Amino acid sequence: MPTKIAEVHAAESRKVLSAYVTWHLLRRLRASSRRRPVTQTQVHGVRAYVIQVVRLLNWLHEQGVVLSSCTQDLLDVWLDDHPARGPRVHGFLVWTSRKGHTRTLTVDVPASAFTGQLIAQDVRWRLVDRLIHDNEITVADKAAGLLALLFAQGPFRITALSDVHIEFRGDEVSLRLGKVPILMPPPLDGYLRTLHAEAMDRDTAAERWLFPGRFPAQHLSSGRLTNRLRLLSIHPRMGRNTALIELASELPAVVVSRLLGIHQNTADAWQRLTGQDHTYAAEITHRAGHPSQDPGLGAPDKPG
């Protein structure tokens, strides 16, 4: 076990994991051993938990984020890419939240969306309508809100968008959220064109963020964007879940994965929840080289 803990790159995270293993995992094993001998299965189980926590901590380190600063949005990005690892880091995050090492962080599975993590479709479209027609809302907030409500993007992914994610083809604007660019519908295409122009006008050698922070080299923090969207009555997690439910009901999971940048297993899970079984996934992905051929995403229905 000490060998695995030593693989954690960040010293502070290594210290937290060591305390978790010592005072939680091993303490439970010792308590169990008083009743019956500890089995190899139990030992291997503890090791499996530690391995997944090490992977999470080192991933955070690669993002330049310390454990204490980890946000729910950032955790969701990791879980999108590694959904099967969620149950094995759940206990660690409950413990770190309780001990004050992190803010409250939760590991959701798609099924939890049906217990209050969705918004009604009519409410969703009213929010879309307001983003489009309320001229007092900034272009940045309009674009961010629409990306959450229409394309299931969380604040962390939205704020990480830069000029390299946008492609222009005549009057068309495509945005690369996953492996394949998506043709943006109006007026979102216009908002993104404006944000791109503003990014290119900045006198900076740093990456040109579509959603800049206070300093040129930094993008807007996901927490700040979350707060701005909530002021508009948009709850990013609920908006993302609702958009995923709709998209998974209309498109093959492989297409959802490639277009939105979520893990294939996550897309499969959402599609199972909608009861859909698309057999033409391979055909659609071959068409994906041309964004306008991706059904359902090029031009969302207008709000009523």
C-alpha atoms as a PDB file:
ATOM      1  CA  MET A   1       0.000   0.000   0.000  1.00  0.00           C
ATOM      2  CA  PRO A   2       2.768   2.546   0.800  1.00  0.00           C
ATOM      3  CA  THR A   3       4.168   1.900  -2.684  1.00  0.00           C
ATOM      4  CA  LYS A   4       0.895   2.896  -4.329  1.00  0.00           C
ATOM      5  CA  ILE A   5       0.533   5.979  -2.137  1.00  0.00           C
ATOM      6  CA  ALA A   6       4.065   7.022  -3.094  1.00  0.00           C
ATOM      7  CA  GLU A   7       2.930   7.199  -6.745  1.00  0.00           C
ATOM      8  CA  VAL A   8       0.869  10.332  -5.984  1.00  0.00           C
ATOM      9  CA  HIS A   9       2.772  13.249  -7.511  1.00  0.00           C
ATOM     10  CA  ALA A  10       1.553  16.094  -5.284  1.00  0.00           C
ATOM     11  CA  ALA A  11       2.929  15.975  -1.733  1.00  0.00           C
ATOM     12  CA  GLU A  12      -0.213  17.408  -0.110  1.00  0.00           C
ATOM     13  CA  SER A  13      -2.478  14.946  -1.927  1.00  0.00           C
ATOM     14  CA  ARG A  14      -0.141  12.103  -0.964  1.00  0.00           C
ATOM     15  CA  LYS A  15      -0.469  13.153   2.666  1.00  0.00           C
ATOM     16  CA  VAL A  16      -4.288  13.213   2.466  1.00  0.00           C
ATOM     17  CA  LEU A  17      -4.427   9.787   0.810  1.00  0.00           C
ATOM     18  CA  SER A  18      -2.071   8.343   3.422  1.00  0.00           C
ATOM     19  CA  ALA A  19      -4.360   9.603   6.190  1.00  0.00           C
ATOM     20  CA  TYR A  20      -7.413   8.167   4.400  1.00  0.00           C
ATOM     21  CA  VAL A  21      -5.799   4.754   4.021  1.00  0.00           C
ATOM     22  CA  THR A  22      -4.539   4.701   7.610  1.00  0.00           C
ATOM     23  CA  TRP A  23      -7.529   6.087   9.446  1.00  0.00           C
ATOM     24  CA  HIS A  24     -10.352   4.848   7.261  1.00  0.00           C
ATOM     25  CA  LEU A  25      -9.571   1.879   5.019  1.00  0.00           C
ATOM     26  CA  LEU A  26      -7.075   0.054   7.231  1.00  0.00           C
ATOM     27  CA  ARG A  27      -9.018   0.932  10.362  1.00  0.00           C
ATOM     28  CA  ARG A  28     -12.089  -0.768   8.860  1.00  0.00           C
ATOM     29  CA  LEU A  29     -10.004  -3.807   7.954  1.00  0.00           C
ATOM     30  CA  ARG A  30      -8.642  -4.039  11.491  1.00  0.00           C
ATOM     31  CA  ALA A  31     -12.155  -3.796  12.926  1.00  0.00           C
ATOM     32  CA  SER A  32     -13.295  -6.518  10.565  1.00  0.00           C
ATOM     33  CA  SER A  33     -10.373  -8.758  11.554  1.00  0.00           C
ATOM     34  CA  ARG A  34     -11.635  -8.838  15.140  1.00  0.00           C
ATOM     35  CA  ARG A  35     -14.716 -10.714  13.939  1.00  0.00           C
ATOM     36  CA  ARG A  36     -13.194 -12.896  11.236  1.00  0.00           C
ATOM     37  CA  PRO A  37      -9.890 -13.231   9.377  1.00  0.00           C
ATOM     38  CA  VAL A  38      -9.263 -10.681   6.641  1.00  0.00           C
ATOM     39  CA  THR A  39      -9.554 -12.307   3.219  1.00  0.00           C
ATOM     40  CA  GLN A  40      -7.402 -11.722   0.157  1.00  0.00           C
ATOM     41  CA  THR A  41     -10.498 -10.411  -1.575  1.00  0.00           C
ATOM     42  CA  GLN A  42     -10.819  -7.653   1.020  1.00  0.00           C
ATOM     43  CA  VAL A  43      -7.141  -6.758   0.683  1.00  0.00           C
ATOM     44  CA  HIS A  44      -7.383  -6.628  -3.093  1.00  0.00           C
ATOM     45  CA  GLY A  45     -10.540  -4.531  -2.774  1.00  0.00           C
ATOM     46  CA  VAL A  46      -8.758  -1.929  -0.658  1.00  0.00           C
ATOM     47  CA  ARG A  47      -5.864  -1.881  -3.100  1.00  0.00           C
ATOM     48  CA  ALA A  48      -8.286  -1.343  -6.000  1.00  0.00           C
ATOM     49  CA  TYR A  49      -9.823   1.655  -4.211  1.00  0.00           C
ATOM     50  CA  VAL A  50      -6.394   3.162  -3.605  1.00  0.00           C
ATOM     51  CA  ILE A  51      -5.320   2.669  -7.226  1.00  0.00           C
ATOM     52  CA  GLN A  52      -8.320   4.617  -8.523  1.00  0.00           C
ATOM     53  CA  VAL A  53      -7.817   7.426  -6.007  1.00  0.00           C
ATOM     54  CA  VAL A  54      -4.157   7.667  -7.052  1.00  0.00           C
ATOM     55  CA  ARG A  55      -5.275   8.005 -10.674  1.00  0.00           C
ATOM     56  CA  LEU A  56      -7.701  10.778  -9.775  1.00  0.00           C
ATOM     57  CA  LEU A  57      -5.123  12.676  -7.721  1.00  0.00           C
ATOM     58  CA  ASN A  58      -2.476  12.443 -10.442  1.00  0.00           C
ATOM     59  CA  TRP A  59      -4.991  13.566 -13.055  1.00  0.00           C
ATOM     60  CA  LEU A  60      -5.770  16.632 -10.945  1.00  0.00           C
ATOM     61  CA  HIS A  61      -2.042  17.285 -10.674  1.00  0.00           C
ATOM     62  CA  GLU A  62      -1.738  17.131 -14.478  1.00  0.00           C
ATOM     63  CA  GLN A  63      -4.478  19.778 -14.714  1.00  0.00           C
ATOM     64  CA  GLY A  64      -2.518  22.007 -12.361  1.00  0.00           C
ATOM     65  CA  VAL A  65      -5.211  21.703  -9.669  1.00  0.00           C
ATOM     66  CA  VAL A  66      -4.586  20.880  -6.017  1.00  0.00           C
ATOM     67  CA  LEU A  67      -7.023  18.530  -4.303  1.00  0.00           C
ATOM     68  CA  SER A  68      -8.434  21.246  -2.043  1.00  0.00           C
ATOM     69  CA  SER A  69      -9.370  23.312  -5.117  1.00  0.00           C
ATOM     70  CA  CYS A  70     -11.088  20.497  -7.011  1.00  0.00           C
ATOM     71  CA  THR A  71     -14.559  21.550  -8.144  1.00  0.00           C
ATOM     72  CA  GLN A  72     -17.562  19.406  -8.942  1.00  0.00           C
ATOM     73  CA  ASP A  73     -17.307  20.439 -12.589  1.00  0.00           C
ATOM     74  CA  LEU A  74     -13.702  19.259 -12.771  1.00  0.00           C
ATOM     75  CA  LEU A  75     -14.575  15.984 -11.063  1.00  0.00           C
ATOM     76  CA  ASP A  76     -17.422  15.490 -13.543  1.00  0.00           C
ATOM     77  CA  VAL A  77     -14.963  15.851 -16.433  1.00  0.00           C
ATOM     78  CA  TRP A  78     -12.814  13.035 -15.001  1.00  0.00           C
ATOM     79  CA  LEU A  79     -15.894  10.889 -14.363  1.00  0.00           C
ATOM     80  CA  ASP A  80     -17.119  11.483 -17.923  1.00  0.00           C
ATOM     81  CA  ASP A  81     -13.867   9.995 -19.197  1.00  0.00           C
ATOM     82  CA  HIS A  82     -13.692   7.242 -16.562  1.00  0.00           C
ATOM     83  CA  PRO A  83     -17.258   6.493 -15.424  1.00  0.00           C
ATOM     84  CA  ALA A  84     -16.437   3.024 -14.066  1.00  0.00           C
ATOM     85  CA  ARG A  85     -14.020   4.519 -11.538  1.00  0.00           C
ATOM     86  CA  GLY A  86     -16.666   6.604  -9.775  1.00  0.00           C
ATOM     87  CA  PRO A  87     -17.766   4.044  -7.158  1.00  0.00           C
ATOM     88  CA  ARG A  88     -14.158   3.469  -6.090  1.00  0.00           C
ATOM     89  CA  VAL A  89     -13.389   7.132  -5.429  1.00  0.00           C
ATOM     90  CA  HIS A  90     -16.786   7.879  -3.881  1.00  0.00           C
ATOM     91  CA  GLY A  91     -15.765   6.883  -0.354  1.00  0.00           C
ATOM     92  CA  PHE A  92     -12.550   8.870  -0.535  1.00  0.00           C
ATOM     93  CA  LEU A  93     -14.383  12.025  -1.618  1.00  0.00           C
ATOM     94  CA  VAL A  94     -17.022  11.616   1.079  1.00  0.00           C
ATOM     95  CA  TRP A  95     -14.195  11.346   3.613  1.00  0.00           C
ATOM     96  CA  THR A  96     -12.248  14.349   2.256  1.00  0.00           C
ATOM     97  CA  SER A  97     -15.426  16.443   2.220  1.00  0.00           C
ATOM     98  CA  ARG A  98     -16.208  15.497   5.805  1.00  0.00           C
ATOM     99  CA  LYS A  99     -12.641  16.186   6.989  1.00  0.00           C
ATOM    100  CA  GLY A 100     -12.439  19.540   5.217  1.00  0.00           C
ATOM    101  CA  HIS A 101      -9.760  18.538   2.707  1.00  0.00           C
ATOM    102  CA  THR A 102     -12.142  19.326  -0.171  1.00  0.00           C
ATOM    103  CA  ARG A 103     -15.454  21.027  -0.702  1.00  0.00           C
ATOM    104  CA  THR A 104     -18.471  18.731  -0.882  1.00  0.00           C
ATOM    105  CA  LEU A 105     -17.988  16.543  -3.960  1.00  0.00           C
ATOM    106  CA  THR A 106     -20.395  13.904  -5.186  1.00  0.00           C
ATOM    107  CA  VAL A 107     -20.145  10.988  -7.576  1.00  0.00           C
ATOM    108  CA  ASP A 108     -23.362  10.752  -9.560  1.00  0.00           C
ATOM    109  CA  VAL A 109     -24.497   7.963 -11.835  1.00  0.00           C
ATOM    110  CA  PRO A 110     -26.944   8.678 -14.663  1.00  0.00           C
ATOM    111  CA  ALA A 111     -29.860   7.076 -12.841  1.00  0.00           C
ATOM    112  CA  SER A 112     -29.729   9.849 -10.235  1.00  0.00           C
ATOM    113  CA  ALA A 113     -30.866  12.254 -12.920  1.00  0.00           C
ATOM    114  CA  PHE A 114     -34.391  10.984 -12.461  1.00  0.00           C
ATOM    115  CA  THR A 115     -34.459  11.954  -8.793  1.00  0.00           C
ATOM    116  CA  GLY A 116     -34.422  15.709  -9.224  1.00  0.00           C
ATOM    117  CA  GLN A 117     -31.424  16.356 -11.459  1.00  0.00           C
ATOM    118  CA  LEU A 118     -33.458  17.216 -14.549  1.00  0.00           C
ATOM    119  CA  ILE A 119     -35.433  20.270 -15.582  1.00  0.00           C
ATOM    120  CA  ALA A 120     -38.724  20.137 -17.442  1.00  0.00           C
ATOM    121  CA  GLN A 121     -38.355  20.515 -21.198  1.00  0.00           C
ATOM    122  CA  ASP A 122     -40.711  23.512 -21.323  1.00  0.00           C
ATOM    123  CA  VAL A 123     -38.610  25.227 -18.641  1.00  0.00           C
ATOM    124  CA  ARG A 124     -35.457  24.407 -20.586  1.00  0.00           C
ATOM    125  CA  TRP A 125     -36.823  25.963 -23.759  1.00  0.00           C
ATOM    126  CA  ARG A 126     -38.015  29.052 -21.882  1.00  0.00           C
ATOM    127  CA  LEU A 127     -34.460  29.483 -20.637  1.00  0.00           C
ATOM    128  CA  VAL A 128     -33.169  29.099 -24.194  1.00  0.00           C
ATOM    129  CA  ASP A 129     -35.707  31.644 -25.395  1.00  0.00           C
ATOM    130  CA  ARG A 130     -34.625  34.132 -22.739  1.00  0.00           C
ATOM    131  CA  LEU A 131     -30.944  33.698 -23.621  1.00  0.00           C
ATOM    132  CA  ILE A 132     -31.733  34.456 -27.241  1.00  0.00           C
ATOM    133  CA  HIS A 133     -34.036  37.443 -26.776  1.00  0.00           C
ATOM    134  CA  ASP A 134     -32.914  39.186 -23.564  1.00  0.00           C
ATOM    135  CA  ASN A 135     -30.522  41.897 -24.751  1.00  0.00           C
ATOM    136  CA  GLU A 136     -29.355  42.631 -21.207  1.00  0.00           C
ATOM    137  CA  ILE A 137     -27.566  39.259 -21.051  1.00  0.00           C
ATOM    138  CA  THR A 138     -23.945  39.408 -22.220  1.00  0.00           C
ATOM    139  CA  VAL A 139     -22.916  37.547 -25.351  1.00  0.00           C
ATOM    140  CA  ALA A 140     -20.575  35.352 -23.285  1.00  0.00           C
ATOM    141  CA  ASP A 141     -23.366  34.309 -20.916  1.00  0.00           C
ATOM    142  CA  LYS A 142     -25.750  33.725 -23.828  1.00  0.00           C
ATOM    143  CA  ALA A 143     -23.226  31.412 -25.509  1.00  0.00           C
ATOM    144  CA  ALA A 144     -22.338  29.585 -22.300  1.00  0.00           C
ATOM    145  CA  GLY A 145     -25.976  29.066 -21.366  1.00  0.00           C
ATOM    146  CA  LEU A 146     -26.868  27.700 -24.786  1.00  0.00           C
ATOM    147  CA  LEU A 147     -23.882  25.343 -24.774  1.00  0.00           C
ATOM    148  CA  ALA A 148     -25.098  23.965 -21.452  1.00  0.00           C
ATOM    149  CA  LEU A 149     -28.775  23.705 -22.383  1.00  0.00           C
ATOM    150  CA  LEU A 150     -28.399  22.492 -25.973  1.00  0.00           C
ATOM    151  CA  PHE A 151     -25.072  20.667 -26.097  1.00  0.00           C
ATOM    152  CA  ALA A 152     -24.730  19.250 -22.556  1.00  0.00           C
ATOM    153  CA  GLN A 153     -21.504  21.112 -21.783  1.00  0.00           C
ATOM    154  CA  GLY A 154     -20.473  21.695 -18.178  1.00  0.00           C
ATOM    155  CA  PRO A 155     -18.823  24.946 -17.014  1.00  0.00           C
ATOM    156  CA  PHE A 156     -15.338  23.407 -16.909  1.00  0.00           C
ATOM    157  CA  ARG A 157     -15.495  22.371 -20.563  1.00  0.00           C
ATOM    158  CA  ILE A 158     -17.105  25.664 -21.631  1.00  0.00           C
ATOM    159  CA  THR A 159     -14.490  27.877 -19.998  1.00  0.00           C
ATOM    160  CA  ALA A 160     -11.679  25.794 -21.515  1.00  0.00           C
ATOM    161  CA  LEU A 161     -12.796  26.644 -25.075  1.00  0.00           C
ATOM    162  CA  SER A 162     -10.352  28.702 -27.111  1.00  0.00           C
ATOM    163  CA  ASP A 163      -9.949  29.933 -30.671  1.00  0.00           C
ATOM    164  CA  VAL A 164      -8.612  26.517 -31.745  1.00  0.00           C
ATOM    165  CA  HIS A 165     -12.009  24.923 -31.044  1.00  0.00           C
ATOM    166  CA  ILE A 166     -13.834  27.082 -33.629  1.00  0.00           C
ATOM    167  CA  GLU A 167     -13.885  26.408 -37.361  1.00  0.00           C
ATOM    168  CA  PHE A 168     -15.300  28.712 -40.037  1.00  0.00           C
ATOM    169  CA  ARG A 169     -16.594  27.611 -43.423  1.00  0.00           C
ATOM    170  CA  GLY A 170     -18.163  30.539 -45.220  1.00  0.00           C
ATOM    171  CA  ASP A 171     -21.112  31.652 -43.107  1.00  0.00           C
ATOM    172  CA  GLU A 172     -21.022  28.431 -41.064  1.00  0.00           C
ATOM    173  CA  VAL A 173     -19.495  28.196 -37.608  1.00  0.00           C
ATOM    174  CA  SER A 174     -18.538  24.809 -36.184  1.00  0.00           C
ATOM    175  CA  LEU A 175     -17.383  24.106 -32.653  1.00  0.00           C
ATOM    176  CA  ARG A 176     -15.208  21.155 -31.717  1.00  0.00           C
ATOM    177  CA  LEU A 177     -16.445  19.844 -28.364  1.00  0.00           C
ATOM    178  CA  GLY A 178     -15.308  16.266 -28.958  1.00  0.00           C
ATOM    179  CA  LYS A 179     -13.539  14.491 -31.794  1.00  0.00           C
ATOM    180  CA  VAL A 180     -15.897  15.844 -34.448  1.00  0.00           C
ATOM    181  CA  PRO A 181     -16.939  19.511 -34.965  1.00  0.00           C
ATOM    182  CA  ILE A 182     -20.612  20.402 -34.615  1.00  0.00           C
ATOM    183  CA  LEU A 183     -22.318  22.920 -36.876  1.00  0.00           C
ATOM    184  CA  MET A 184     -23.657  25.642 -34.591  1.00  0.00           C
ATOM    185  CA  PRO A 185     -27.240  26.851 -35.081  1.00  0.00           C
ATOM    186  CA  PRO A 186     -28.159  30.561 -35.135  1.00  0.00           C
ATOM    187  CA  PRO A 187     -27.953  32.689 -33.122  1.00  0.00           C
ATOM    188  CA  LEU A 188     -25.338  30.669 -31.184  1.00  0.00           C
ATOM    189  CA  ASP A 189     -23.067  30.734 -34.222  1.00  0.00           C
ATOM    190  CA  GLY A 190     -23.124  34.535 -34.133  1.00  0.00           C
ATOM    191  CA  TYR A 191     -22.343  34.648 -30.409  1.00  0.00           C
ATOM    192  CA  LEU A 192     -19.363  32.340 -30.920  1.00  0.00           C
ATOM    193  CA  ARG A 193     -18.157  34.404 -33.878  1.00  0.00           C
ATOM    194  CA  THR A 194     -18.233  37.497 -31.639  1.00  0.00           C
ATOM    195  CA  LEU A 195     -16.335  35.750 -28.828  1.00  0.00           C
ATOM    196  CA  HIS A 196     -13.765  34.477 -31.323  1.00  0.00           C
ATOM    197  CA  ALA A 197     -13.235  37.970 -32.764  1.00  0.00           C
ATOM    198  CA  GLU A 198     -12.781  39.409 -29.266  1.00  0.00           C
ATOM    199  CA  ALA A 199     -10.283  36.674 -28.418  1.00  0.00           C
ATOM    200  CA  MET A 200      -8.249  37.372 -31.550  1.00  0.00           C
ATOM    201  CA  ASP A 201      -8.196  41.114 -30.787  1.00  0.00           C
ATOM    202  CA  ARG A 202      -6.489  40.601 -27.428  1.00  0.00           C
ATOM    203  CA  ASP A 203      -2.844  41.547 -27.320  1.00  0.00           C
ATOM    204  CA  THR A 204      -1.521  38.361 -25.752  1.00  0.00           C
ATOM    205  CA  ALA A 205       0.868  35.563 -26.565  1.00  0.00           C
ATOM    206  CA  ALA A 206      -1.144  33.212 -24.372  1.00  0.00           C
ATOM    207  CA  GLU A 207      -3.908  30.920 -25.540  1.00  0.00           C
ATOM    208  CA  ARG A 208      -6.878  32.950 -26.753  1.00  0.00           C
ATOM    209  CA  TRP A 209      -9.785  31.910 -24.536  1.00  0.00           C
ATOM    210  CA  LEU A 210     -13.362  32.436 -25.665  1.00  0.00           C
ATOM    211  CA  PHE A 211     -14.279  33.010 -22.011  1.00  0.00           C
ATOM    212  CA  PRO A 212     -11.293  34.952 -20.612  1.00  0.00           C
ATOM    213  CA  GLY A 213     -10.546  35.410 -16.948  1.00  0.00           C
ATOM    214  CA  ARG A 214      -9.154  38.458 -15.201  1.00  0.00           C
ATOM    215  CA  PHE A 215      -5.681  37.847 -16.613  1.00  0.00           C
ATOM    216  CA  PRO A 216      -4.873  37.228 -20.306  1.00  0.00           C
ATOM    217  CA  ALA A 217      -3.203  33.869 -19.687  1.00  0.00           C
ATOM    218  CA  GLN A 218      -6.185  32.478 -17.763  1.00  0.00           C
ATOM    219  CA  HIS A 219      -9.665  31.503 -18.802  1.00  0.00           C
ATOM    220  CA  LEU A 220     -12.722  32.238 -16.708  1.00  0.00           C
ATOM    221  CA  SER A 221     -13.021  29.900 -13.737  1.00  0.00           C
ATOM    222  CA  SER A 222     -15.749  27.273 -13.929  1.00  0.00           C
ATOM    223  CA  GLY A 223     -17.008  28.345 -10.509  1.00  0.00           C
ATOM    224  CA  ARG A 224     -17.479  31.931 -11.652  1.00  0.00           C
ATOM    225  CA  LEU A 225     -19.307  30.822 -14.778  1.00  0.00           C
ATOM    226  CA  THR A 226     -21.528  28.549 -12.694  1.00  0.00           C
ATOM    227  CA  ASN A 227     -22.476  31.492 -10.496  1.00  0.00           C
ATOM    228  CA  ARG A 228     -23.209  33.686 -13.510  1.00  0.00           C
ATOM    229  CA  LEU A 229     -25.456  31.055 -15.054  1.00  0.00           C
ATOM    230  CA  ARG A 230     -27.294  30.500 -11.786  1.00  0.00           C
ATOM    231  CA  LEU A 231     -28.110  34.208 -11.709  1.00  0.00           C
ATOM    232  CA  LEU A 232     -29.949  33.503 -14.981  1.00  0.00           C
ATOM    233  CA  SER A 233     -31.798  30.570 -13.326  1.00  0.00           C
ATOM    234  CA  ILE A 234     -29.645  28.065 -15.230  1.00  0.00           C
ATOM    235  CA  HIS A 235     -28.282  25.221 -13.117  1.00  0.00           C
ATOM    236  CA  PRO A 236     -25.485  23.751 -15.269  1.00  0.00           C
ATOM    237  CA  ARG A 237     -25.675  20.167 -13.986  1.00  0.00           C
ATOM    238  CA  MET A 238     -29.431  19.956 -14.458  1.00  0.00           C
ATOM    239  CA  GLY A 239     -29.211  21.597 -17.868  1.00  0.00           C
ATOM    240  CA  ARG A 240     -26.465  19.197 -18.917  1.00  0.00           C
ATOM    241  CA  ASN A 241     -28.394  16.138 -17.721  1.00  0.00           C
ATOM    242  CA  THR A 242     -31.560  17.236 -19.510  1.00  0.00           C
ATOM    243  CA  ALA A 243     -29.690  17.915 -22.744  1.00  0.00           C
ATOM    244  CA  LEU A 244     -27.996  14.510 -22.514  1.00  0.00           C
ATOM    245  CA  ILE A 245     -31.334  12.779 -22.034  1.00  0.00           C
ATOM    246  CA  GLU A 246     -32.713  14.406 -25.176  1.00  0.00           C
ATOM    247  CA  LEU A 247     -29.617  13.863 -27.307  1.00  0.00           C
ATOM    248  CA  ALA A 248     -29.242  10.250 -26.188  1.00  0.00           C
ATOM    249  CA  SER A 249     -32.849   9.599 -27.202  1.00  0.00           C
ATOM    250  CA  GLU A 250     -32.231  10.948 -30.712  1.00  0.00           C
ATOM    251  CA  LEU A 251     -28.684   9.894 -31.586  1.00  0.00           C
ATOM    252  CA  PRO A 252     -26.536   6.765 -31.322  1.00  0.00           C
ATOM    253  CA  ALA A 253     -24.327   6.718 -28.230  1.00  0.00           C
ATOM    254  CA  VAL A 254     -21.174   6.629 -30.352  1.00  0.00           C
ATOM    255  CA  VAL A 255     -22.241   9.862 -32.077  1.00  0.00           C
ATOM    256  CA  VAL A 256     -23.066  11.565 -28.772  1.00  0.00           C
ATOM    257  CA  SER A 257     -19.640  10.546 -27.461  1.00  0.00           C
ATOM    258  CA  ARG A 258     -17.733  11.824 -30.489  1.00  0.00           C
ATOM    259  CA  LEU A 259     -19.652  15.081 -30.810  1.00  0.00           C
ATOM    260  CA  LEU A 260     -19.886  16.117 -27.161  1.00  0.00           C
ATOM    261  CA  GLY A 261     -16.549  14.824 -25.898  1.00  0.00           C
ATOM    262  CA  ILE A 262     -17.946  12.457 -23.281  1.00  0.00           C
ATOM    263  CA  HIS A 263     -16.777   8.913 -22.679  1.00  0.00           C
ATOM    264  CA  GLN A 264     -18.400   6.169 -24.746  1.00  0.00           C
ATOM    265  CA  ASN A 265     -19.489   4.310 -21.588  1.00  0.00           C
ATOM    266  CA  THR A 266     -21.226   7.433 -20.313  1.00  0.00           C
ATOM    267  CA  ALA A 267     -23.060   7.898 -23.595  1.00  0.00           C
ATOM    268  CA  ASP A 268     -24.068   4.214 -23.552  1.00  0.00           C
ATOM    269  CA  ALA A 269     -25.438   4.564 -20.019  1.00  0.00           C
ATOM    270  CA  TRP A 270     -27.529   7.609 -20.908  1.00  0.00           C
ATOM    271  CA  GLN A 271     -28.880   5.888 -23.982  1.00  0.00           C
ATOM    272  CA  ARG A 272     -29.906   2.823 -21.955  1.00  0.00           C
ATOM    273  CA  LEU A 273     -31.853   5.160 -19.691  1.00  0.00           C
ATOM    274  CA  THR A 274     -33.782   6.485 -22.677  1.00  0.00           C
ATOM    275  CA  GLY A 275     -34.517   2.979 -23.985  1.00  0.00           C
ATOM    276  CA  GLN A 276     -33.043   3.676 -27.418  1.00  0.00           C
ATOM    277  CA  ASP A 277     -31.129   1.241 -29.599  1.00  0.00           C
ATOM    278  CA  HIS A 278     -29.653   2.836 -32.699  1.00  0.00           C
ATOM    279  CA  THR A 279     -28.215   0.313 -35.120  1.00  0.00           C
ATOM    280  CA  TYR A 280     -26.925   2.820 -37.650  1.00  0.00           C
ATOM    281  CA  ALA A 281     -24.184   4.302 -35.437  1.00  0.00           C
ATOM    282  CA  ALA A 282     -21.316   3.288 -37.706  1.00  0.00           C
ATOM    283  CA  GLU A 283     -22.954   4.872 -40.756  1.00  0.00           C
ATOM    284  CA  ILE A 284     -23.512   8.164 -38.932  1.00  0.00           C
ATOM    285  CA  THR A 285     -19.941   8.349 -37.629  1.00  0.00           C
ATOM    286  CA  HIS A 286     -18.626   7.969 -41.178  1.00  0.00           C
ATOM    287  CA  ARG A 287     -20.659  11.048 -42.119  1.00  0.00           C
ATOM    288  CA  ALA A 288     -19.331  13.005 -39.157  1.00  0.00           C
ATOM    289  CA  GLY A 289     -16.449  14.385 -41.143  1.00  0.00           C
ATOM    290  CA  HIS A 290     -18.924  16.979 -42.445  1.00  0.00           C
ATOM    291  CA  PRO A 291     -20.658  18.644 -39.459  1.00  0.00           C
ATOM    292  CA  SER A 292     -23.798  19.574 -41.317  1.00  0.00           C
ATOM    293  CA  GLN A 293     -24.565  15.891 -41.851  1.00  0.00           C
ATOM    294  CA  ASP A 294     -24.856  15.124 -38.156  1.00  0.00           C
ATOM    295  CA  PRO A 295     -28.589  14.751 -37.563  1.00  0.00           C
ATOM    296  CA  GLY A 296     -30.328  16.550 -34.764  1.00  0.00           C
ATOM    297  CA  LEU A 297     -27.404  18.750 -33.710  1.00  0.00           C
ATOM    298  CA  GLY A 298     -27.055  21.129 -36.619  1.00  0.00           C
ATOM    299  CA  ALA A 299     -30.312  22.939 -35.982  1.00  0.00           C
ATOM    300  CA  PRO A 300     -32.110  22.366 -32.680  1.00  0.00           C
ATOM    301  CA  ASP A 301     -35.826  22.948 -32.627  1.00  0.00           C
ATOM    302  CA  LYS A 302     -36.728  26.524 -31.862  1.00  0.00           C
ATOM    303  CA  PRO A 303     -38.354  27.183 -28.512  1.00  0.00           C
ATOM    304  CA  GLY A 304     -42.076  27.597 -28.652  1.00  0.00           C
END
